[in-house]
Amino acid sequence: MNAVFNAGCTIIAGMLLAGCATTREPSANAMSRAPASQASQEIDTAYVQRVEREARRDDVDVQWVHPPTKAASSSSDSD
């Protein structure tokens, strides 16, 4: 009886450990490996300033959860 119990506990422990090994990655690791298309984005500061200026005028507090983005300007454009 003890042999069956021990075998059952071993199988269950193995299944639990295998399940933990296949869980999703934490979001911090996923963010560090963002696709190149997302890496070339920057915050659209002109739009953010315009919205926040209008919000202040109407006495509204704006909290950006996902700030608007635009394609990043390449460094060769400033030459």
PDB file of N, CA and C in Angstrom:
ATOM      1  N   MET A   1       0.824  -1.197   0.000  1.00  0.00           N
ATOM      2  CA  MET A   1       0.000   0.000   0.000  1.00  0.00           C
ATOM      3  C   MET A   1       0.863   1.254   0.000  1.00  0.00           C
ATOM      4  N   ASN A   2       1.947   1.256   0.792  1.00  0.00           N
ATOM      5  CA  ASN A   2       2.838   2.406   0.820  1.00  0.00           C
ATOM      6  C   ASN A   2       3.508   2.626  -0.530  1.00  0.00           C
ATOM      7  N   ALA A   3       3.822   1.553  -1.239  1.00  0.00           N
ATOM      8  CA  ALA A   3       4.471   1.681  -2.548  1.00  0.00           C
ATOM      9  C   ALA A   3       3.544   2.367  -3.538  1.00  0.00           C
ATOM     10  N   VAL A   4       2.269   2.036  -3.511  1.00  0.00           N
ATOM     11  CA  VAL A   4       1.281   2.665  -4.408  1.00  0.00           C
ATOM     12  C   VAL A   4       1.114   4.141  -4.040  1.00  0.00           C
ATOM     13  N   PHE A   5       1.042   4.421  -2.751  1.00  0.00           N
ATOM     14  CA  PHE A   5       0.905   5.810  -2.290  1.00  0.00           C
ATOM     15  C   PHE A   5       2.113   6.645  -2.703  1.00  0.00           C
ATOM     16  N   ASN A   6       3.309   6.117  -2.497  1.00  0.00           N
ATOM     17  CA  ASN A   6       4.524   6.835  -2.870  1.00  0.00           C
ATOM     18  C   ASN A   6       4.602   7.051  -4.368  1.00  0.00           C
ATOM     19  N   ALA A   7       4.226   6.043  -5.141  1.00  0.00           N
ATOM     20  CA  ALA A   7       4.237   6.181  -6.605  1.00  0.00           C
ATOM     21  C   ALA A   7       3.240   7.250  -7.040  1.00  0.00           C
ATOM     22  N   GLY A   8       2.066   7.251  -6.417  1.00  0.00           N
ATOM     23  CA  GLY A   8       1.047   8.256  -6.753  1.00  0.00           C
ATOM     24  C   GLY A   8       1.511   9.658  -6.418  1.00  0.00           C
ATOM     25  N   CYS A   9       2.120   9.822  -5.263  1.00  0.00           N
ATOM     26  CA  CYS A   9       2.635  11.144  -4.876  1.00  0.00           C
ATOM     27  C   CYS A   9       3.747  11.598  -5.812  1.00  0.00           C
ATOM     28  N   THR A  10       4.589  10.689  -6.232  1.00  0.00           N
ATOM     29  CA  THR A  10       5.672  11.031  -7.149  1.00  0.00           C
ATOM     30  C   THR A  10       5.126  11.471  -8.499  1.00  0.00           C
ATOM     31  N   ILE A  11       4.118  10.759  -8.984  1.00  0.00           N
ATOM     32  CA  ILE A  11       3.517  11.120 -10.275  1.00  0.00           C
ATOM     33  C   ILE A  11       2.843  12.481 -10.189  1.00  0.00           C
ATOM     34  N   ILE A  12       2.093  12.719  -9.128  1.00  0.00           N
ATOM     35  CA  ILE A  12       1.408  14.008  -8.971  1.00  0.00           C
ATOM     36  C   ILE A  12       2.421  15.146  -8.847  1.00  0.00           C
ATOM     37  N   ALA A  13       3.489  14.939  -8.075  1.00  0.00           N
ATOM     38  CA  ALA A  13       4.512  15.977  -7.934  1.00  0.00           C
ATOM     39  C   ALA A  13       5.173  16.263  -9.276  1.00  0.00           C
ATOM     40  N   GLY A  14       5.431  15.227 -10.043  1.00  0.00           N
ATOM     41  CA  GLY A  14       6.025  15.418 -11.370  1.00  0.00           C
ATOM     42  C   GLY A  14       5.116  16.194 -12.298  1.00  0.00           C
ATOM     43  N   MET A  15       3.816  15.915 -12.239  1.00  0.00           N
ATOM     44  CA  MET A  15       2.860  16.639 -13.083  1.00  0.00           C
ATOM     45  C   MET A  15       2.775  18.111 -12.682  1.00  0.00           C
ATOM     46  N   LEU A  16       2.795  18.375 -11.378  1.00  0.00           N
ATOM     47  CA  LEU A  16       2.748  19.761 -10.907  1.00  0.00           C
ATOM     48  C   LEU A  16       3.992  20.532 -11.331  1.00  0.00           C
ATOM     49  N   LEU A  17       5.144  19.914 -11.214  1.00  0.00           N
ATOM     50  CA  LEU A  17       6.383  20.590 -11.601  1.00  0.00           C
ATOM     51  C   LEU A  17       6.422  20.827 -13.110  1.00  0.00           C
ATOM     52  N   ALA A  18       5.929  19.879 -13.884  1.00  0.00           N
ATOM     53  CA  ALA A  18       5.886  20.064 -15.335  1.00  0.00           C
ATOM     54  C   ALA A  18       4.930  21.189 -15.699  1.00  0.00           C
ATOM     55  N   GLY A  19       3.817  21.292 -14.974  1.00  0.00           N
ATOM     56  CA  GLY A  19       2.862  22.369 -15.231  1.00  0.00           C
ATOM     57  C   GLY A  19       3.449  23.735 -14.908  1.00  0.00           C
ATOM     58  N   CYS A  20       4.210  23.833 -13.841  1.00  0.00           N
ATOM     59  CA  CYS A  20       4.834  25.105 -13.477  1.00  0.00           C
ATOM     60  C   CYS A  20       5.901  25.516 -14.489  1.00  0.00           C
ATOM     61  N   ALA A  21       6.536  24.554 -15.094  1.00  0.00           N
ATOM     62  CA  ALA A  21       7.596  24.855 -16.055  1.00  0.00           C
ATOM     63  C   ALA A  21       7.043  25.393 -17.365  1.00  0.00           C
ATOM     64  N   THR A  22       5.756  25.205 -17.611  1.00  0.00           N
ATOM     65  CA  THR A  22       5.184  25.643 -18.883  1.00  0.00           C
ATOM     66  C   THR A  22       4.275  26.851 -18.745  1.00  0.00           C
ATOM     67  N   THR A  23       4.316  27.547 -17.610  1.00  0.00           N
ATOM     68  CA  THR A  23       3.477  28.727 -17.450  1.00  0.00           C
ATOM     69  C   THR A  23       4.035  29.876 -18.269  1.00  0.00           C
ATOM     70  N   ARG A  24       3.209  30.877 -18.492  1.00  0.00           N
ATOM     71  CA  ARG A  24       3.610  32.035 -19.290  1.00  0.00           C
ATOM     72  C   ARG A  24       4.719  32.803 -18.609  1.00  0.00           C
ATOM     73  N   GLU A  25       5.477  33.549 -19.432  1.00  0.00           N
ATOM     74  CA  GLU A  25       6.567  34.373 -18.907  1.00  0.00           C
ATOM     75  C   GLU A  25       5.998  35.611 -18.224  1.00  0.00           C
ATOM     76  N   PRO A  26       6.687  36.144 -17.239  1.00  0.00           N
ATOM     77  CA  PRO A  26       6.261  37.409 -16.634  1.00  0.00           C
ATOM     78  C   PRO A  26       6.279  38.529 -17.675  1.00  0.00           C
ATOM     79  N   SER A  27       5.417  39.493 -17.483  1.00  0.00           N
ATOM     80  CA  SER A  27       5.299  40.567 -18.470  1.00  0.00           C
ATOM     81  C   SER A  27       6.582  41.386 -18.577  1.00  0.00           C
ATOM     82  N   ALA A  28       7.372  41.472 -17.530  1.00  0.00           N
ATOM     83  CA  ALA A  28       8.622  42.237 -17.605  1.00  0.00           C
ATOM     84  C   ALA A  28       9.560  41.624 -18.635  1.00  0.00           C
ATOM     85  N   ASN A  29       9.653  40.302 -18.664  1.00  0.00           N
ATOM     86  CA  ASN A  29      10.507  39.654 -19.657  1.00  0.00           C
ATOM     87  C   ASN A  29       9.931  39.806 -21.048  1.00  0.00           C
ATOM     88  N   ALA A  30       8.632  39.740 -21.176  1.00  0.00           N
ATOM     89  CA  ALA A  30       8.005  39.882 -22.482  1.00  0.00           C
ATOM     90  C   ALA A  30       8.214  41.290 -23.034  1.00  0.00           C
ATOM     91  N   MET A  31       8.186  42.288 -22.149  1.00  0.00           N
ATOM     92  CA  MET A  31       8.366  43.668 -22.606  1.00  0.00           C
ATOM     93  C   MET A  31       9.791  43.917 -23.079  1.00  0.00           C
ATOM     94  N   SER A  32      10.766  43.244 -22.472  1.00  0.00           N
ATOM     95  CA  SER A  32      12.146  43.478 -22.867  1.00  0.00           C
ATOM     96  C   SER A  32      12.444  42.902 -24.244  1.00  0.00           C
ATOM     97  N   ARG A  33      11.584  42.016 -24.715  1.00  0.00           N
ATOM     98  CA  ARG A  33      11.782  41.434 -26.033  1.00  0.00           C
ATOM     99  C   ARG A  33      10.707  41.913 -26.995  1.00  0.00           C
ATOM    100  N   ALA A  34      10.390  43.174 -26.971  1.00  0.00           N
ATOM    101  CA  ALA A  34       9.359  43.731 -27.840  1.00  0.00           C
ATOM    102  C   ALA A  34       9.786  43.630 -29.299  1.00  0.00           C
ATOM    103  N   PRO A  35       8.833  43.396 -30.196  1.00  0.00           N
ATOM    104  CA  PRO A  35       9.178  43.336 -31.617  1.00  0.00           C
ATOM    105  C   PRO A  35       9.801  44.638 -32.101  1.00  0.00           C
ATOM    106  N   ALA A  36      10.545  44.562 -33.179  1.00  0.00           N
ATOM    107  CA  ALA A  36      11.232  45.740 -33.701  1.00  0.00           C
ATOM    108  C   ALA A  36      10.246  46.840 -34.061  1.00  0.00           C
ATOM    109  N   SER A  37       9.050  46.474 -34.503  1.00  0.00           N
ATOM    110  CA  SER A  37       8.068  47.494 -34.876  1.00  0.00           C
ATOM    111  C   SER A  37       7.643  48.317 -33.666  1.00  0.00           C
ATOM    112  N   GLN A  38       7.547  47.684 -32.486  1.00  0.00           N
ATOM    113  CA  GLN A  38       7.206  48.427 -31.283  1.00  0.00           C
ATOM    114  C   GLN A  38       8.407  49.178 -30.739  1.00  0.00           C
ATOM    115  N   ALA A  39       9.591  48.654 -30.941  1.00  0.00           N
ATOM    116  CA  ALA A  39      10.793  49.307 -30.430  1.00  0.00           C
ATOM    117  C   ALA A  39      11.049  50.612 -31.166  1.00  0.00           C
ATOM    118  N   SER A  40      10.549  50.751 -32.402  1.00  0.00           N
ATOM    119  CA  SER A  40      10.781  51.961 -33.176  1.00  0.00           C
ATOM    120  C   SER A  40       9.665  52.985 -32.975  1.00  0.00           C
ATOM    121  N   GLN A  41       8.910  52.852 -31.899  1.00  0.00           N
ATOM    122  CA  GLN A  41       7.833  53.790 -31.590  1.00  0.00           C
ATOM    123  C   GLN A  41       8.294  54.736 -30.488  1.00  0.00           C
ATOM    124  N   GLU A  42       7.791  55.949 -30.539  1.00  0.00           N
ATOM    125  CA  GLU A  42       8.060  56.904 -29.464  1.00  0.00           C
ATOM    126  C   GLU A  42       6.756  57.603 -29.121  1.00  0.00           C
ATOM    127  N   ILE A  43       6.680  58.182 -27.932  1.00  0.00           N
ATOM    128  CA  ILE A  43       5.468  58.857 -27.481  1.00  0.00           C
ATOM    129  C   ILE A  43       5.234  60.100 -28.337  1.00  0.00           C
ATOM    130  N   ASP A  44       4.011  60.267 -28.773  1.00  0.00           N
ATOM    131  CA  ASP A  44       3.612  61.430 -29.578  1.00  0.00           C
ATOM    132  C   ASP A  44       3.405  62.609 -28.628  1.00  0.00           C
ATOM    133  N   THR A  45       4.498  63.296 -28.314  1.00  0.00           N
ATOM    134  CA  THR A  45       4.457  64.359 -27.303  1.00  0.00           C
ATOM    135  C   THR A  45       3.578  65.540 -27.718  1.00  0.00           C
ATOM    136  N   ALA A  46       3.513  65.840 -28.989  1.00  0.00           N
ATOM    137  CA  ALA A  46       2.672  66.953 -29.438  1.00  0.00           C
ATOM    138  C   ALA A  46       1.210  66.663 -29.133  1.00  0.00           C
ATOM    139  N   TYR A  47       0.776  65.436 -29.403  1.00  0.00           N
ATOM    140  CA  TYR A  47      -0.605  65.055 -29.140  1.00  0.00           C
ATOM    141  C   TYR A  47      -0.875  65.031 -27.639  1.00  0.00           C
ATOM    142  N   VAL A  48       0.066  64.491 -26.865  1.00  0.00           N
ATOM    143  CA  VAL A  48      -0.091  64.424 -25.413  1.00  0.00           C
ATOM    144  C   VAL A  48      -0.218  65.834 -24.843  1.00  0.00           C
ATOM    145  N   GLN A  49       0.631  66.754 -25.278  1.00  0.00           N
ATOM    146  CA  GLN A  49       0.568  68.130 -24.794  1.00  0.00           C
ATOM    147  C   GLN A  49      -0.751  68.795 -25.164  1.00  0.00           C
ATOM    148  N   ARG A  50      -1.222  68.539 -26.381  1.00  0.00           N
ATOM    149  CA  ARG A  50      -2.487  69.136 -26.825  1.00  0.00           C
ATOM    150  C   ARG A  50      -3.651  68.627 -25.976  1.00  0.00           C
ATOM    151  N   VAL A  51      -3.696  67.324 -25.719  1.00  0.00           N
ATOM    152  CA  VAL A  51      -4.782  66.756 -24.910  1.00  0.00           C
ATOM    153  C   VAL A  51      -4.700  67.264 -23.475  1.00  0.00           C
ATOM    154  N   GLU A  52      -3.505  67.306 -22.913  1.00  0.00           N
ATOM    155  CA  GLU A  52      -3.370  67.759 -21.534  1.00  0.00           C
ATOM    156  C   GLU A  52      -3.693  69.247 -21.393  1.00  0.00           C
ATOM    157  N   ARG A  53      -3.374  70.044 -22.401  1.00  0.00           N
ATOM    158  CA  ARG A  53      -3.723  71.476 -22.372  1.00  0.00           C
ATOM    159  C   ARG A  53      -5.246  71.644 -22.358  1.00  0.00           C
ATOM    160  N   GLU A  54      -5.939  70.884 -23.211  1.00  0.00           N
ATOM    161  CA  GLU A  54      -7.402  70.941 -23.239  1.00  0.00           C
ATOM    162  C   GLU A  54      -7.995  70.421 -21.921  1.00  0.00           C
ATOM    163  N   ALA A  55      -7.388  69.401 -21.357  1.00  0.00           N
ATOM    164  CA  ALA A  55      -7.881  68.851 -20.098  1.00  0.00           C
ATOM    165  C   ALA A  55      -7.737  69.860 -18.965  1.00  0.00           C
ATOM    166  N   ARG A  56      -6.602  70.553 -18.905  1.00  0.00           N
ATOM    167  CA  ARG A  56      -6.416  71.585 -17.869  1.00  0.00           C
ATOM    168  C   ARG A  56      -7.443  72.700 -18.029  1.00  0.00           C
ATOM    169  N   ARG A  57      -7.730  73.037 -19.269  1.00  0.00           N
ATOM    170  CA  ARG A  57      -8.701  74.101 -19.534  1.00  0.00           C
ATOM    171  C   ARG A  57     -10.077  73.712 -18.999  1.00  0.00           C
ATOM    172  N   ASP A  58     -10.416  72.409 -19.112  1.00  0.00           N
ATOM    173  CA  ASP A  58     -11.707  71.919 -18.646  1.00  0.00           C
ATOM    174  C   ASP A  58     -11.648  71.362 -17.231  1.00  0.00           C
ATOM    175  N   ASP A  59     -10.511  71.566 -16.540  1.00  0.00           N
ATOM    176  CA  ASP A  59     -10.300  71.093 -15.174  1.00  0.00           C
ATOM    177  C   ASP A  59     -10.504  69.577 -15.070  1.00  0.00           C
ATOM    178  N   VAL A  60      -9.844  68.862 -15.980  1.00  0.00           N
ATOM    179  CA  VAL A  60      -9.902  67.397 -16.017  1.00  0.00           C
ATOM    180  C   VAL A  60      -8.490  66.865 -15.818  1.00  0.00           C
ATOM    181  N   ASP A  61      -8.372  65.796 -15.015  1.00  0.00           N
ATOM    182  CA  ASP A  61      -7.073  65.168 -14.777  1.00  0.00           C
ATOM    183  C   ASP A  61      -6.908  64.009 -15.750  1.00  0.00           C
ATOM    184  N   VAL A  62      -5.842  64.016 -16.538  1.00  0.00           N
ATOM    185  CA  VAL A  62      -5.568  62.962 -17.510  1.00  0.00           C
ATOM    186  C   VAL A  62      -4.460  62.075 -16.973  1.00  0.00           C
ATOM    187  N   GLN A  63      -4.696  60.770 -16.997  1.00  0.00           N
ATOM    188  CA  GLN A  63      -3.665  59.796 -16.633  1.00  0.00           C
ATOM    189  C   GLN A  63      -3.525  58.843 -17.815  1.00  0.00           C
ATOM    190  N   TRP A  64      -2.372  58.874 -18.454  1.00  0.00           N
ATOM    191  CA  TRP A  64      -2.138  58.045 -19.629  1.00  0.00           C
ATOM    192  C   TRP A  64      -1.792  56.627 -19.194  1.00  0.00           C
ATOM    193  N   VAL A  65      -2.603  55.674 -19.582  1.00  0.00           N
ATOM    194  CA  VAL A  65      -2.309  54.272 -19.333  1.00  0.00           C
ATOM    195  C   VAL A  65      -1.411  53.751 -20.444  1.00  0.00           C
ATOM    196  N   HIS A  66      -1.795  54.025 -21.671  1.00  0.00           N
ATOM    197  CA  HIS A  66      -0.991  53.680 -22.847  1.00  0.00           C
ATOM    198  C   HIS A  66      -0.864  54.959 -23.674  1.00  0.00           C
ATOM    199  N   PRO A  67       0.199  55.719 -23.463  1.00  0.00           N
ATOM    200  CA  PRO A  67       0.340  56.978 -24.197  1.00  0.00           C
ATOM    201  C   PRO A  67       0.353  56.736 -25.703  1.00  0.00           C
ATOM    202  N   PRO A  68      -0.169  57.683 -26.469  1.00  0.00           N
ATOM    203  CA  PRO A  68      -0.170  57.531 -27.915  1.00  0.00           C
ATOM    204  C   PRO A  68       1.260  57.519 -28.451  1.00  0.00           C
ATOM    205  N   THR A  69       1.482  56.711 -29.467  1.00  0.00           N
ATOM    206  CA  THR A  69       2.829  56.592 -30.028  1.00  0.00           C
ATOM    207  C   THR A  69       2.809  56.964 -31.493  1.00  0.00           C
ATOM    208  N   LYS A  70       3.988  57.223 -32.001  1.00  0.00           N
ATOM    209  CA  LYS A  70       4.196  57.471 -33.414  1.00  0.00           C
ATOM    210  C   LYS A  70       5.524  56.831 -33.792  1.00  0.00           C
ATOM    211  N   ALA A  71       5.753  56.704 -35.071  1.00  0.00           N
ATOM    212  CA  ALA A  71       7.009  56.109 -35.533  1.00  0.00           C
ATOM    213  C   ALA A  71       8.175  56.993 -35.106  1.00  0.00           C
ATOM    214  N   ALA A  72       9.220  56.389 -34.597  1.00  0.00           N
ATOM    215  CA  ALA A  72      10.384  57.128 -34.141  1.00  0.00           C
ATOM    216  C   ALA A  72      11.110  57.728 -35.342  1.00  0.00           C
ATOM    217  N   SER A  73      11.533  58.969 -35.186  1.00  0.00           N
ATOM    218  CA  SER A  73      12.299  59.592 -36.268  1.00  0.00           C
ATOM    219  C   SER A  73      13.705  59.040 -36.272  1.00  0.00           C
ATOM    220  N   SER A  74      14.216  58.759 -37.445  1.00  0.00           N
ATOM    221  CA  SER A  74      15.571  58.190 -37.517  1.00  0.00           C
ATOM    222  C   SER A  74      16.596  59.279 -37.260  1.00  0.00           C
ATOM    223  N   SER A  75      17.774  58.881 -36.798  1.00  0.00           N
ATOM    224  CA  SER A  75      18.809  59.843 -36.458  1.00  0.00           C
ATOM    225  C   SER A  75      19.388  60.509 -37.702  1.00  0.00           C
ATOM    226  N   SER A  76      19.213  59.911 -38.895  1.00  0.00           N
ATOM    227  CA  SER A  76      19.751  60.501 -40.106  1.00  0.00           C
ATOM    228  C   SER A  76      18.919  61.681 -40.594  1.00  0.00           C
ATOM    229  N   ASP A  77      17.678  61.826 -40.061  1.00  0.00           N
ATOM    230  CA  ASP A  77      16.828  62.945 -40.451  1.00  0.00           C
ATOM    231  C   ASP A  77      17.348  64.273 -39.894  1.00  0.00           C
ATOM    232  N   SER A  78      18.067  64.231 -38.783  1.00  0.00           N
ATOM    233  CA  SER A  78      18.525  65.475 -38.146  1.00  0.00           C
ATOM    234  C   SER A  78      19.787  66.028 -38.779  1.00  0.00           C
ATOM    235  N   ASP A  79      20.390  65.305 -39.727  1.00  0.00           N
ATOM    236  CA  ASP A  79      21.630  65.789 -40.365  1.00  0.00           C
ATOM    237  C   ASP A  79      21.365  66.844 -41.384  1.00  0.00           C
TER     238      ASP A  79
END
